[in-house]
Amino acid sequence: MNIAIYLDRIAQVHGERPALFLGRKMVADYAGFRDRAARVATWLSAQGVGPGERVAIFMKNLPDYLIVQYGIWMAGAVAVPINAKLHGREAAWIIDNAGAGMVFASPGLSEALAGAGVEARIVDVTGPDYAGVADCAPMAAAAERRAGDLAWLFYTSGTTGRPKGVMITHRMLREMALCYFVDVDQVSPEDSALYAAPLSHGAGIYNIMHVMMSARHVFPPSGGFDEAEIFDLARHHGRVHMFAAPTMVKRMTQAAKVSGETGEGLRTIVYGGGPMYLADIVEAVDHFGEIFVQIYGQGECPMAISALSRAEVSDRAHPRWRARLASVGRAQSAVEVRIGDAEGRSLPAGEAGEIMVRGDTVMPGYWRNARATAKTLVDGWLMTGDVGVMDADGYVTLHDRSKDMIISGGTNIYPREVEEALLTHPDVQEVSVVGRPHPEWGEDVVAFVVMRDGVALDPGALDAHCLDNIARFKRPKDYFAVPDLPKNNYGKVLKTELRDRLK
């Protein structure tokens, strides 16, 4: 099955229902949404893009993002979403690794790709190539695809420092959407999905269940996260659903308490993508009410490992409500979750170990990376790299991340990428990057740097060097000069000791 079939079905029966909005203005109803996506599909086919071929999307949040995404799927091709915050060189590496022959880009980002020497064809969604899509006849029906065929190639980094392409199939997306209805929330045609988080990540696949139910899709004119804008659009559209990182929830709560906003029109905020501090979610529920649901997932099992329902997030009567609220909930319906020891053997309730997941929302592997696949998928189980415990009732609580990933503002930042960028500076001899707790962002990035003999650390110069090589949000917020890095007997840097220095 092709995941785009749900857009076909809704357009046939409820084509008149409002679909895409830019702020308060309707851009297309479902018939128009489907028509424009189908023209993209026809145009792609005319350009020689066949089933299974990869097409990248390097765009900010715009209505055309979903039009392009569904057009790619209708053509039977594979969407390769790229975070719009990435540096052009980083995006270029992903495009090359995916083997994408074409990339759709929004203004500004298309120039960044050209400057990075991207060989793939760049289609600016405000340019003449994209305008020519309107001259194509709409594709009659979505291309035939099997449930196990690749639909979405999501790049997530690992400890190697280079991004890995997570292969996400049509079946995985369907099962994730069905889990949403069972474990997370219900959706009706009167609801509106508001996209304040990047569509290149979870928000980009959370549109599927809203398409299934012919709900509205609202894109903030700012193209991102702005508290006042969200409150205004929620009041206007009503029954708004949105995905938010914990830092976004905290900022919304703080802004609302200052401005007097009550959250009118907000129906559901699904939060995840980083640690939510207990005090922050308690404060948010106290102010906005019973609108919050927590999910836990990874790119390798998108949005679908566990969930904590709105009733559980809001419950204050249960004797262990604090412990439950500090958890990430219980396993979603399409997966099994267990805690394993170093050999993958199941551990009893209350014992800490690696969180392991098995089910239909787990990836089949990494794109062209058999070694990483073999390490991450063991006997059918996804080894998440996250350490946690499960209580007797099945609630999972994260204790730490076995990987050294930094989560800042809900965005994953991988130390090795930053370290590799800094190590290309001629004055840097050694460097180690760690996360430092931050009251608003969850964590921020800190670099411990060993400079070459006789050279003083210049934070401004290192900042400029980072901006030439990696995305702005990844650069360290502080640099500390050290004579050497603490290491064990095997020469591995002791990052725990560096984190302790920041306490």
Protein backbone atom coordinates (compact mmCIF):
# COMPACT_ATOMS: atom_id res chain seq x y z
CA MET A 1 0.00 0.00 0.00
CA ASN A 2 1.04 3.58 -0.64
CA ILE A 3 0.58 5.92 2.34
CA ALA A 4 -0.65 8.59 -0.12
CA ILE A 5 -3.81 6.54 -0.65
CA TYR A 6 -5.34 8.28 2.37
CA LEU A 7 -5.18 11.63 0.59
CA ASP A 8 -6.78 10.02 -2.47
CA ARG A 9 -9.65 8.65 -0.38
CA ILE A 10 -10.39 11.86 1.49
CA ALA A 11 -10.28 13.96 -1.68
CA GLN A 12 -12.78 11.62 -3.35
CA VAL A 13 -15.33 11.77 -0.53
CA HIS A 14 -14.65 15.06 1.26
CA GLY A 15 -12.85 17.16 -1.32
CA GLU A 16 -14.70 20.30 -0.24
CA ARG A 17 -13.31 20.23 3.30
CA PRO A 18 -10.66 22.86 4.15
CA ALA A 19 -7.15 21.39 4.06
CA LEU A 20 -4.17 23.76 3.90
CA PHE A 21 -3.89 27.14 5.61
CA LEU A 22 -1.15 29.74 5.74
CA GLY A 23 -2.05 31.48 8.96
CA ARG A 24 -5.75 32.34 8.71
CA LYS A 25 -5.89 32.10 4.91
CA MET A 26 -7.02 28.87 3.26
CA VAL A 27 -4.64 27.78 0.50
CA ALA A 28 -6.46 24.63 -0.63
CA ASP A 29 -9.35 22.34 0.20
CA TYR A 30 -8.75 18.58 0.08
CA ALA A 31 -9.62 18.36 -3.61
CA GLY A 32 -7.11 21.12 -4.33
CA PHE A 33 -4.50 19.58 -2.03
CA ARG A 34 -4.80 16.26 -3.80
CA ASP A 35 -4.84 17.88 -7.25
CA ARG A 36 -1.64 19.84 -6.63
CA ALA A 37 0.15 16.85 -5.10
CA ALA A 38 -0.93 14.70 -8.06
CA ARG A 39 0.49 17.27 -10.49
CA VAL A 40 3.81 17.13 -8.62
CA ALA A 41 3.69 13.33 -9.01
CA THR A 42 3.09 13.60 -12.76
CA TRP A 43 5.88 16.16 -13.11
CA LEU A 44 8.30 13.94 -11.18
CA SER A 45 7.47 10.99 -13.41
CA ALA A 46 8.04 13.15 -16.49
CA GLN A 47 11.49 14.05 -15.11
CA GLY A 48 12.35 10.37 -14.90
CA VAL A 49 11.80 9.92 -11.15
CA GLY A 50 10.53 6.38 -10.71
CA PRO A 51 9.24 4.30 -7.80
CA GLY A 52 11.80 3.82 -5.05
CA GLU A 53 13.96 6.75 -6.14
CA ARG A 54 14.85 9.34 -3.54
CA VAL A 55 13.73 12.96 -3.68
CA ALA A 56 14.94 15.34 -0.97
CA ILE A 57 12.97 18.14 0.70
CA PHE A 58 15.02 21.03 2.13
CA MET A 59 12.25 23.45 3.00
CA LYS A 60 10.93 25.58 5.81
CA ASN A 61 7.39 24.94 7.06
CA LEU A 62 5.11 25.93 4.19
CA PRO A 63 1.87 24.50 2.73
CA ASP A 64 3.91 23.44 -0.30
CA TYR A 65 5.91 21.14 1.97
CA LEU A 66 2.95 18.76 2.32
CA ILE A 67 2.05 19.15 -1.36
CA VAL A 68 5.57 18.11 -2.36
CA GLN A 69 5.71 15.34 0.24
CA TYR A 70 2.48 13.73 -0.97
CA GLY A 71 3.48 14.29 -4.59
CA ILE A 72 6.67 12.32 -3.97
CA TRP A 73 4.69 9.50 -2.36
CA MET A 74 2.06 9.48 -5.11
CA ALA A 75 4.85 9.04 -7.66
CA GLY A 76 6.04 6.01 -5.67
CA ALA A 77 9.28 7.77 -4.77
CA VAL A 78 10.93 8.15 -1.36
CA ALA A 79 10.87 11.45 0.54
CA VAL A 80 14.18 12.50 2.13
CA PRO A 81 13.39 15.30 4.61
CA ILE A 82 16.28 17.56 5.63
CA ASN A 83 16.21 19.90 8.60
CA ALA A 84 15.96 23.45 7.25
CA LYS A 85 18.35 24.61 10.00
CA LEU A 86 21.25 22.57 8.62
CA HIS A 87 24.23 24.12 6.89
CA GLY A 88 24.21 23.75 3.11
CA ARG A 89 27.22 21.43 3.29
CA GLU A 90 25.47 19.17 5.78
CA ALA A 91 22.38 19.01 3.59
CA ALA A 92 24.58 18.30 0.57
CA TRP A 93 26.11 15.28 2.31
CA ILE A 94 22.65 13.85 3.06
CA ILE A 95 21.48 14.39 -0.52
CA ASP A 96 24.57 12.64 -1.86
CA ASN A 97 24.38 9.73 0.59
CA ALA A 98 20.69 9.18 -0.16
CA GLY A 99 21.41 9.18 -3.88
CA ALA A 100 18.71 11.79 -4.41
CA GLY A 101 18.72 13.15 -7.94
CA MET A 102 16.39 16.02 -7.08
CA VAL A 103 15.75 18.29 -4.11
CA PHE A 104 12.85 20.66 -3.51
CA ALA A 105 13.96 23.76 -1.61
CA SER A 106 12.43 26.95 -0.31
CA PRO A 107 13.93 30.40 -1.04
CA GLY A 108 17.29 30.96 0.61
CA LEU A 109 17.86 27.26 1.12
CA SER A 110 18.13 26.64 -2.62
CA GLU A 111 20.98 29.17 -2.74
CA ALA A 112 22.66 27.44 0.20
CA LEU A 113 22.57 24.14 -1.70
CA ALA A 114 23.95 25.71 -4.85
CA GLY A 115 26.75 27.27 -2.82
CA ALA A 116 27.56 23.87 -1.35
CA GLY A 117 28.01 22.40 -4.82
CA VAL A 118 25.03 20.03 -4.76
CA GLU A 119 24.95 17.94 -7.93
CA ALA A 120 21.27 17.01 -7.63
CA ARG A 121 18.71 19.11 -9.49
CA ILE A 122 17.52 21.92 -7.20
CA VAL A 123 13.86 22.88 -7.57
CA ASP A 124 13.05 26.15 -5.80
CA VAL A 125 9.34 26.12 -4.91
CA THR A 126 9.12 29.78 -5.95
CA GLY A 127 10.99 29.23 -9.22
CA PRO A 128 10.02 28.47 -12.83
CA ASP A 129 10.49 24.68 -12.60
CA TYR A 130 7.98 24.41 -9.80
CA ALA A 131 5.60 26.83 -11.51
CA GLY A 132 5.60 24.44 -14.46
CA VAL A 133 4.08 21.73 -12.27
CA ALA A 134 0.70 23.45 -12.66
CA ASP A 135 0.76 22.67 -16.41
CA CYS A 136 0.88 18.92 -15.74
CA ALA A 137 -2.20 16.74 -15.61
CA PRO A 138 -2.82 15.29 -12.14
CA MET A 139 -1.79 11.68 -11.68
CA ALA A 140 -4.92 9.53 -11.68
CA ALA A 141 -3.97 7.41 -8.66
CA ALA A 142 -1.06 6.91 -6.33
CA ALA A 143 1.57 4.50 -7.63
CA GLU A 144 1.34 0.94 -6.35
CA ARG A 145 3.70 0.26 -3.46
CA ARG A 146 4.06 -2.64 -1.07
CA ALA A 147 3.70 -2.02 2.65
CA GLY A 148 7.35 -2.89 3.18
CA ASP A 149 8.60 -0.46 0.53
CA LEU A 150 10.56 2.59 1.60
CA ALA A 151 8.54 5.81 1.99
CA TRP A 152 10.65 8.16 4.12
CA LEU A 153 14.42 8.25 4.54
CA PHE A 154 15.10 10.11 7.77
CA TYR A 155 18.68 11.06 8.60
CA THR A 156 19.69 10.86 12.23
CA SER A 157 23.24 11.00 13.53
CA GLY A 158 25.06 8.48 15.66
CA THR A 159 28.28 8.21 17.58
CA THR A 160 30.22 7.95 14.33
CA GLY A 161 29.42 11.60 13.72
CA ARG A 162 27.99 11.04 10.24
CA PRO A 163 24.21 10.97 9.81
CA LYS A 164 22.57 7.59 9.27
CA GLY A 165 19.56 7.17 7.02
CA VAL A 166 16.69 5.49 8.88
CA MET A 167 14.58 3.52 6.42
CA ILE A 168 10.90 4.14 7.19
CA THR A 169 8.36 2.10 5.25
CA HIS A 170 4.75 2.69 4.27
CA ARG A 171 3.74 0.05 6.83
CA MET A 172 5.61 1.86 9.61
CA LEU A 173 3.85 5.13 8.81
CA ARG A 174 0.44 3.45 8.71
CA GLU A 175 1.02 1.65 12.02
CA MET A 176 2.31 4.84 13.63
CA ALA A 177 -0.85 6.67 12.55
CA LEU A 178 -3.12 3.92 13.87
CA CYS A 179 -1.21 3.91 17.16
CA TYR A 180 -1.89 7.63 17.43
CA PHE A 181 -5.64 7.00 17.42
CA VAL A 182 -5.37 4.21 20.01
CA ASP A 183 -2.64 5.49 22.32
CA VAL A 184 -2.31 9.25 21.85
CA ASP A 185 -5.40 11.14 20.71
CA GLN A 186 -8.48 11.24 18.52
CA VAL A 187 -8.83 13.50 15.48
CA SER A 188 -11.97 14.89 13.83
CA PRO A 189 -12.60 16.95 10.66
CA GLU A 190 -13.12 20.00 12.89
CA ASP A 191 -9.57 19.75 14.25
CA SER A 192 -6.51 21.65 13.04
CA ALA A 193 -2.90 20.45 13.04
CA LEU A 194 -0.60 23.42 13.63
CA TYR A 195 3.00 23.01 12.43
CA ALA A 196 5.30 25.06 14.64
CA ALA A 197 7.92 22.28 14.87
CA PRO A 198 10.06 21.31 11.84
CA LEU A 199 8.25 19.18 9.27
CA SER A 200 11.52 17.39 8.60
CA HIS A 201 11.04 15.59 11.91
CA GLY A 202 8.09 14.10 13.79
CA ALA A 203 5.66 16.85 12.84
CA GLY A 204 6.21 15.91 9.19
CA ILE A 205 4.75 12.45 9.66
CA TYR A 206 2.18 13.44 12.27
CA ASN A 207 0.24 15.01 9.39
CA ILE A 208 -0.85 11.55 8.22
CA MET A 209 -3.54 10.95 10.83
CA HIS A 210 -4.92 14.42 10.21
CA VAL A 211 -5.14 13.67 6.49
CA MET A 212 -6.89 10.39 7.32
CA MET A 213 -9.59 12.32 9.19
CA SER A 214 -9.74 15.32 6.78
CA ALA A 215 -8.61 17.76 9.47
CA ARG A 216 -7.03 21.14 8.72
CA HIS A 217 -3.29 21.78 8.38
CA VAL A 218 -2.20 25.21 9.60
CA PHE A 219 1.22 26.72 8.83
CA PRO A 220 2.27 29.77 10.87
CA PRO A 221 3.26 32.64 8.55
CA SER A 222 6.48 33.01 10.57
CA GLY A 223 7.45 29.53 9.41
CA GLY A 224 8.36 28.44 12.91
CA PHE A 225 7.68 28.79 16.61
CA ASP A 226 6.30 32.04 17.99
CA GLU A 227 4.18 31.90 21.15
CA ALA A 228 1.95 34.89 20.36
CA GLU A 229 1.35 33.62 16.82
CA ILE A 230 0.39 30.17 18.10
CA PHE A 231 -2.09 31.59 20.61
CA ASP A 232 -3.64 33.78 17.91
CA LEU A 233 -4.00 30.94 15.41
CA ALA A 234 -5.39 28.60 18.07
CA ARG A 235 -8.09 31.12 18.95
CA HIS A 236 -8.94 31.61 15.28
CA HIS A 237 -9.02 27.98 14.12
CA GLY A 238 -9.99 26.23 17.35
CA ARG A 239 -9.43 22.58 18.30
CA VAL A 240 -5.73 22.87 17.50
CA HIS A 241 -3.38 19.90 17.77
CA MET A 242 0.38 20.46 17.74
CA PHE A 243 3.62 18.67 18.45
CA ALA A 244 6.04 20.54 20.71
CA ALA A 245 9.42 19.93 22.26
CA PRO A 246 9.49 20.37 26.06
CA THR A 247 11.27 23.71 25.68
CA MET A 248 8.43 24.94 23.47
CA VAL A 249 5.90 23.92 26.12
CA LYS A 250 7.86 25.81 28.77
CA ARG A 251 8.11 28.93 26.63
CA MET A 252 4.39 28.83 25.88
CA THR A 253 3.59 28.53 29.59
CA GLN A 254 5.86 31.42 30.51
CA ALA A 255 4.51 33.62 27.72
CA ALA A 256 0.90 32.81 28.62
CA LYS A 257 1.40 33.67 32.28
CA VAL A 258 2.86 37.04 31.32
CA SER A 259 0.28 37.91 28.66
CA GLY A 260 -2.75 36.39 30.34
CA GLU A 261 -3.35 33.88 27.54
CA THR A 262 -5.40 30.86 28.60
CA GLY A 263 -4.68 28.64 25.61
CA GLU A 264 -8.12 29.12 24.09
CA GLY A 265 -8.45 26.89 21.03
CA LEU A 266 -5.63 24.52 22.00
CA ARG A 267 -7.03 21.00 22.15
CA THR A 268 -3.92 18.78 22.24
CA ILE A 269 -0.21 19.38 22.66
CA VAL A 270 1.83 16.24 22.14
CA TYR A 271 5.26 16.72 23.66
CA GLY A 272 8.44 14.71 23.20
CA GLY A 273 11.88 14.87 21.63
CA GLY A 274 13.73 15.69 24.83
CA PRO A 275 13.57 15.59 28.62
CA MET A 276 10.52 17.23 30.18
CA TYR A 277 11.24 18.43 33.70
CA LEU A 278 8.54 17.51 36.20
CA ALA A 279 8.09 21.07 37.47
CA ASP A 280 7.64 22.36 33.92
CA ILE A 281 4.85 19.97 32.93
CA VAL A 282 3.08 20.47 36.27
CA GLU A 283 3.14 24.23 35.70
CA ALA A 284 1.92 23.80 32.10
CA VAL A 285 -1.01 21.58 33.10
CA ASP A 286 -1.94 23.93 35.94
CA HIS A 287 -2.14 26.80 33.46
CA PHE A 288 -3.56 25.23 30.28
CA GLY A 289 -5.47 22.27 31.67
CA GLU A 290 -5.82 18.71 30.39
CA ILE A 291 -4.40 19.16 26.89
CA PHE A 292 -1.00 17.43 27.14
CA VAL A 293 0.06 13.98 25.93
CA GLN A 294 3.62 12.68 26.05
CA ILE A 295 5.17 10.37 23.47
CA TYR A 296 8.56 8.70 23.31
CA GLY A 297 10.08 7.57 20.05
CA GLN A 298 13.21 7.63 17.93
CA GLY A 299 13.86 8.00 14.24
CA GLU A 300 14.30 4.22 14.25
CA CYS A 301 10.79 3.80 15.71
CA PRO A 302 9.15 7.12 14.86
CA MET A 303 6.85 8.60 17.52
CA ALA A 304 5.72 5.13 18.51
CA ILE A 305 7.63 3.57 21.43
CA SER A 306 5.51 4.70 24.38
CA ALA A 307 2.87 7.23 25.37
CA LEU A 308 1.50 8.89 28.50
CA SER A 309 -2.15 9.84 27.99
CA ARG A 310 -3.68 13.24 28.72
CA ALA A 311 -5.53 11.72 31.68
CA GLU A 312 -2.27 10.37 33.11
CA VAL A 313 -0.39 13.62 32.50
CA SER A 314 -3.14 15.54 34.32
CA ASP A 315 -3.81 13.02 37.11
CA ARG A 316 -2.99 14.22 40.63
CA ALA A 317 -5.03 11.62 42.54
CA HIS A 318 -2.93 8.52 41.94
CA PRO A 319 -0.54 7.82 44.85
CA ARG A 320 2.39 7.59 42.40
CA TRP A 321 1.35 10.37 40.05
CA ARG A 322 4.70 12.13 40.27
CA ALA A 323 6.61 9.00 39.29
CA ARG A 324 4.23 8.37 36.40
CA LEU A 325 4.44 11.96 35.22
CA ALA A 326 8.24 11.68 35.26
CA SER A 327 8.00 8.60 33.02
CA VAL A 328 7.46 8.38 29.26
CA GLY A 329 4.39 6.19 29.73
CA ARG A 330 3.69 2.67 28.55
CA ALA A 331 4.34 0.81 25.29
CA GLN A 332 2.24 1.87 22.33
CA SER A 333 0.01 -0.72 20.68
CA ALA A 334 2.25 -1.72 17.74
CA VAL A 335 5.33 -2.54 19.82
CA GLU A 336 6.74 -4.56 22.67
CA VAL A 337 9.10 -2.76 25.04
CA ARG A 338 11.46 -4.32 27.53
CA ILE A 339 14.53 -3.40 29.55
CA GLY A 340 17.60 -5.48 28.73
CA ASP A 341 21.02 -6.09 30.23
CA ALA A 342 24.31 -5.87 28.31
CA GLU A 343 23.49 -9.18 26.57
CA GLY A 344 19.93 -8.16 25.75
CA ARG A 345 18.34 -10.39 28.39
CA SER A 346 15.14 -9.07 29.93
CA LEU A 347 15.53 -7.43 33.33
CA PRO A 348 12.94 -7.45 36.13
CA ALA A 349 10.84 -4.41 37.02
CA GLY A 350 12.79 -1.63 38.66
CA GLU A 351 16.22 -2.58 37.29
CA ALA A 352 17.98 -0.18 34.94
CA GLY A 353 19.12 -1.31 31.52
CA GLU A 354 18.83 -0.53 27.83
CA ILE A 355 15.37 0.14 26.44
CA MET A 356 14.61 -2.40 23.70
CA VAL A 357 11.72 -2.25 21.23
CA ARG A 358 10.19 -4.73 18.77
CA GLY A 359 7.21 -4.29 16.45
CA ASP A 360 5.80 -3.03 13.16
CA THR A 361 6.93 0.56 13.71
CA VAL A 362 10.60 -0.44 14.05
CA MET A 363 12.83 0.29 11.05
CA PRO A 364 14.14 -2.53 8.83
CA GLY A 365 17.60 -0.96 9.00
CA TYR A 366 19.85 1.96 8.09
CA TRP A 367 20.29 3.03 4.49
CA ARG A 368 23.38 1.37 3.01
CA ASN A 369 24.89 0.85 6.46
CA ALA A 370 24.87 -2.84 7.30
CA ARG A 371 27.33 -2.47 10.16
CA ALA A 372 25.21 0.08 12.03
CA THR A 373 22.08 -1.97 11.31
CA ALA A 374 23.60 -5.12 12.79
CA LYS A 375 24.62 -3.22 15.91
CA THR A 376 21.22 -1.58 16.41
CA LEU A 377 18.86 -4.42 15.43
CA VAL A 378 19.62 -7.54 17.46
CA ASP A 379 17.40 -10.63 17.14
CA GLY A 380 14.53 -8.45 15.97
CA TRP A 381 14.92 -5.93 18.80
CA LEU A 382 15.81 -2.27 18.38
CA MET A 383 18.57 -1.36 20.81
CA THR A 384 17.62 2.25 21.51
CA GLY A 385 20.82 3.28 23.28
CA ASP A 386 18.65 4.80 26.01
CA VAL A 387 18.95 3.61 29.59
CA GLY A 388 15.79 3.34 31.66
CA VAL A 389 13.66 1.30 34.02
CA MET A 390 10.18 -0.19 33.76
CA ASP A 391 7.96 -0.41 36.82
CA ALA A 392 5.56 -3.22 37.65
CA ASP A 393 2.74 -1.43 35.78
CA GLY A 394 4.75 -1.07 32.57
CA TYR A 395 5.65 2.63 32.88
CA VAL A 396 9.10 3.37 31.43
CA THR A 397 11.33 6.06 32.93
CA LEU A 398 14.43 7.28 31.10
CA HIS A 399 17.52 7.53 33.30
CA ASP A 400 20.21 8.53 30.85
CA ARG A 401 21.29 8.22 27.26
CA SER A 402 23.99 5.70 26.60
CA LYS A 403 24.89 7.68 23.54
CA ASP A 404 26.37 11.11 24.08
CA MET A 405 23.68 12.92 22.14
CA ILE A 406 22.77 16.42 23.29
CA ILE A 407 19.10 17.46 23.10
CA SER A 408 18.69 21.22 22.94
CA GLY A 409 15.25 22.68 22.36
CA GLY A 410 14.00 19.29 21.21
CA THR A 411 16.67 19.09 18.50
CA ASN A 412 19.30 16.35 18.52
CA ILE A 413 22.90 17.57 18.43
CA TYR A 414 25.66 15.01 18.11
CA PRO A 415 28.99 15.94 19.75
CA ARG A 416 31.11 14.15 17.17
CA GLU A 417 29.80 16.40 14.38
CA VAL A 418 30.77 19.52 16.34
CA GLU A 419 34.12 18.03 17.34
CA GLU A 420 34.98 17.16 13.76
CA ALA A 421 34.17 20.70 12.65
CA LEU A 422 36.33 22.24 15.38
CA LEU A 423 39.21 19.86 14.72
CA THR A 424 39.53 21.26 11.19
CA HIS A 425 40.57 24.60 12.72
CA PRO A 426 44.37 24.85 12.48
CA ASP A 427 44.77 26.05 16.09
CA VAL A 428 42.74 23.25 17.70
CA GLN A 429 44.67 20.20 18.84
CA GLU A 430 41.98 18.27 20.69
CA VAL A 431 38.36 18.90 21.58
CA SER A 432 35.52 17.21 23.41
CA VAL A 433 31.92 18.42 23.26
CA VAL A 434 29.32 17.70 25.95
CA GLY A 435 25.87 18.86 26.94
CA ARG A 436 25.28 21.19 29.88
CA PRO A 437 21.89 21.37 31.63
CA HIS A 438 19.96 24.48 30.62
CA PRO A 439 16.75 25.65 32.34
CA GLU A 440 14.99 26.59 29.09
CA TRP A 441 16.53 24.50 26.31
CA GLY A 442 17.10 21.29 28.25
CA GLU A 443 20.78 21.27 27.33
CA ASP A 444 23.22 23.53 25.55
CA VAL A 445 26.53 22.73 23.86
CA VAL A 446 29.89 23.22 25.57
CA ALA A 447 33.34 22.53 24.11
CA PHE A 448 36.51 21.70 26.04
CA VAL A 449 39.41 22.65 23.77
CA VAL A 450 43.11 21.85 23.85
CA MET A 451 44.77 24.58 21.78
CA ARG A 452 48.08 24.16 20.00
CA ASP A 453 51.17 25.29 21.90
CA GLY A 454 51.44 29.04 22.25
CA VAL A 455 47.94 29.75 20.91
CA ALA A 456 45.29 31.35 23.12
CA LEU A 457 41.67 30.28 22.82
CA ASP A 458 39.63 32.75 20.75
CA PRO A 459 35.88 31.94 21.11
CA GLY A 460 34.94 34.33 18.31
CA ALA A 461 37.28 32.66 15.84
CA LEU A 462 36.02 29.19 16.77
CA ASP A 463 32.41 30.38 16.50
CA ALA A 464 33.06 31.75 13.01
CA HIS A 465 34.74 28.48 12.02
CA CYS A 466 31.73 26.48 13.22
CA LEU A 467 29.34 28.70 11.28
CA ASP A 468 31.32 27.97 8.12
CA ASN A 469 30.90 24.23 8.58
CA ILE A 470 27.84 23.31 10.64
CA ALA A 471 24.40 24.66 11.47
CA ARG A 472 24.22 27.65 13.80
CA PHE A 473 22.22 25.81 16.47
CA LYS A 474 24.97 23.19 16.85
CA ARG A 475 27.79 25.57 17.71
CA PRO A 476 29.01 25.61 21.33
CA LYS A 477 27.62 28.25 23.64
CA ASP A 478 30.83 28.19 25.69
CA TYR A 479 34.44 27.18 25.07
CA PHE A 480 36.80 26.17 27.86
CA ALA A 481 40.55 25.98 27.29
CA VAL A 482 42.13 22.96 28.99
CA PRO A 483 45.73 21.70 28.97
CA ASP A 484 44.55 18.17 28.19
CA LEU A 485 41.43 16.01 28.08
CA PRO A 486 40.78 13.36 30.76
CA LYS A 487 41.11 9.88 29.27
CA ASN A 488 40.94 6.28 30.39
CA ASN A 489 43.61 3.65 29.83
CA TYR A 490 42.33 3.02 26.33
CA GLY A 491 42.64 6.66 25.32
CA LYS A 492 38.90 7.31 25.36
CA VAL A 493 37.88 10.76 26.57
CA LEU A 494 36.01 10.64 29.88
CA LYS A 495 33.03 12.83 29.04
CA THR A 496 31.42 12.11 32.39
CA GLU A 497 34.33 13.86 34.09
CA LEU A 498 33.94 16.85 31.79
CA ARG A 499 30.23 17.06 32.59
CA ASP A 500 31.08 16.94 36.29
CA ARG A 501 33.27 20.03 35.85
CA LEU A 502 30.19 21.94 34.69
CA LYS A 503 28.18 21.22 37.83
